């Protein structure tokens, strides 16, 4: 019974491997390279690729974001908030965003 199950699953696993290899080629970020060795993957730094900005918008305002390389954040100028990028992955959860200095200066100027 176990061998029959293995024989039925084997073609599906082969198709899955082929699909993941094709998807990996199409989803690969320009300039990056595929790694076959797990240890080689761990050594590569995780950086944000600015080309992803064409797909990302602020979850609150639905407006485009600006990438700030010096702080490694995605900034929404309109709302005055910045979303952190951790290991190359933007954390787009509004509670994780911080207010930017511009927003803080505006609030200080408005107070008597």
Protein backbone atom coordinates (compact mmCIF):
# COMPACT_ATOMS: atom_id res chain seq x y z
CA UNK A 1 0.00 0.00 0.00
CA UNK A 2 2.83 2.40 0.84
CA UNK A 3 4.60 1.71 -2.44
CA UNK A 4 1.38 2.36 -4.37
CA UNK A 5 1.02 5.74 -2.63
CA UNK A 6 4.64 6.58 -3.44
CA UNK A 7 4.09 5.70 -7.10
CA UNK A 8 1.05 7.98 -7.24
CA UNK A 9 2.86 10.87 -5.53
CA UNK A 10 6.10 10.62 -7.52
CA UNK A 11 4.75 12.25 -10.74
CA UNK A 12 3.15 15.07 -8.74
CA UNK A 13 6.43 15.74 -6.93
CA UNK A 14 8.32 15.79 -10.23
CA UNK A 15 5.83 18.31 -11.66
CA UNK A 16 6.14 20.42 -8.51
CA UNK A 17 9.93 20.49 -8.77
CA UNK A 18 9.73 21.47 -12.45
CA UNK A 19 7.23 24.24 -11.69
CA UNK A 20 9.31 25.63 -8.83
CA UNK A 21 12.39 25.70 -11.06
CA UNK A 22 10.48 27.60 -13.77
CA UNK A 23 8.96 29.98 -11.22
CA UNK A 24 12.39 30.58 -9.71
CA UNK A 25 13.71 31.68 -13.09
CA UNK A 26 10.82 34.09 -13.68
CA UNK A 27 10.71 35.49 -10.16
CA UNK A 28 14.44 35.98 -9.90
CA UNK A 29 15.44 39.59 -9.24
CA UNK A 30 17.72 41.03 -11.94
CA UNK A 31 21.34 40.79 -10.91
CA UNK A 32 20.67 38.01 -8.40
CA UNK A 33 21.65 34.42 -9.01
CA UNK A 34 20.14 31.10 -8.07
CA UNK A 35 21.93 29.13 -5.38
CA UNK A 36 21.89 25.39 -5.23
CA UNK A 37 23.77 25.14 -1.94
CA UNK A 38 21.88 26.00 1.28
CA UNK A 39 25.02 27.34 2.99
CA UNK A 40 25.65 29.68 0.05
CA UNK A 41 22.13 31.11 0.48
CA UNK A 42 22.74 31.84 4.14
CA UNK A 43 25.86 33.88 3.36
CA UNK A 44 24.14 36.20 0.87
CA UNK A 45 22.85 39.46 2.38
CA UNK A 46 19.14 40.09 2.10
CA UNK A 47 18.68 43.43 0.41
CA UNK A 48 15.58 45.16 -0.88
CA UNK A 49 15.40 45.55 -4.63
CA UNK A 50 13.99 48.98 -5.61
CA UNK A 51 12.30 47.49 -8.69
CA UNK A 52 9.68 46.08 -6.30
CA UNK A 53 8.44 49.64 -5.66
CA UNK A 54 6.31 49.45 -8.80
CA UNK A 55 4.19 46.79 -7.05
CA UNK A 56 4.15 48.13 -3.48
CA UNK A 57 1.83 50.81 -2.09
CA UNK A 58 1.11 52.04 1.42
CA UNK A 59 -1.53 49.80 2.98
CA UNK A 60 -3.18 52.83 4.61
CA UNK A 61 -3.27 55.44 1.85
CA UNK A 62 -2.75 53.17 -1.20
CA UNK A 63 -0.15 55.70 -2.45
CA UNK A 64 3.31 54.85 -3.85
CA UNK A 65 6.21 54.56 -1.44
CA UNK A 66 9.78 55.87 -1.65
CA UNK A 67 12.75 53.68 -0.76
CA UNK A 68 15.17 55.30 1.68
CA UNK A 69 18.44 53.37 1.43
CA UNK A 70 20.12 55.12 4.37
CA UNK A 71 17.49 53.88 6.83
CA UNK A 72 16.42 50.81 4.81
CA UNK A 73 12.76 51.82 4.93
CA UNK A 74 9.84 52.47 2.62
CA UNK A 75 8.58 55.98 3.26
CA UNK A 76 5.10 57.44 2.77
CA UNK A 77 5.70 61.19 2.55
CA UNK A 78 1.99 62.03 2.70
CA UNK A 79 1.31 60.29 6.01
CA UNK A 80 4.80 60.82 7.40
CA UNK A 81 5.44 57.16 8.19
CA UNK A 82 8.20 54.70 7.31
CA UNK A 83 7.89 50.92 7.01
CA UNK A 84 11.01 48.92 7.99
CA UNK A 85 12.67 46.43 5.66
CA UNK A 86 13.88 43.36 7.53
CA UNK A 87 16.12 40.84 5.74
CA UNK A 88 15.06 42.32 2.41
CA UNK A 89 11.34 41.97 3.17
CA UNK A 90 9.24 45.09 3.72
CA UNK A 91 7.18 44.94 6.91
CA UNK A 92 4.00 46.60 5.66
CA UNK A 93 2.05 46.20 8.88
CA UNK A 94 0.90 49.71 9.88
CA UNK A 95 1.63 49.06 13.57
CA UNK A 96 5.28 48.35 12.66
CA UNK A 97 5.69 51.70 10.89
CA UNK A 98 7.39 54.61 12.61
CA UNK A 99 6.68 58.29 12.21
CA UNK A 100 9.28 60.21 10.26
CA UNK A 101 11.13 63.26 11.56
CA UNK A 102 9.32 65.55 9.14
CA UNK A 103 6.01 64.57 10.67
CA UNK A 104 7.35 65.11 14.21
CA UNK A 105 8.70 68.58 13.28
CA UNK A 106 5.31 69.57 11.83
CA UNK A 107 3.56 68.54 15.04
CA UNK A 108 6.05 70.54 17.14
CA UNK A 109 5.51 73.64 14.96
CA UNK A 110 1.71 73.36 15.37
CA UNK A 111 1.90 73.23 19.17
CA UNK A 112 1.87 76.66 20.98
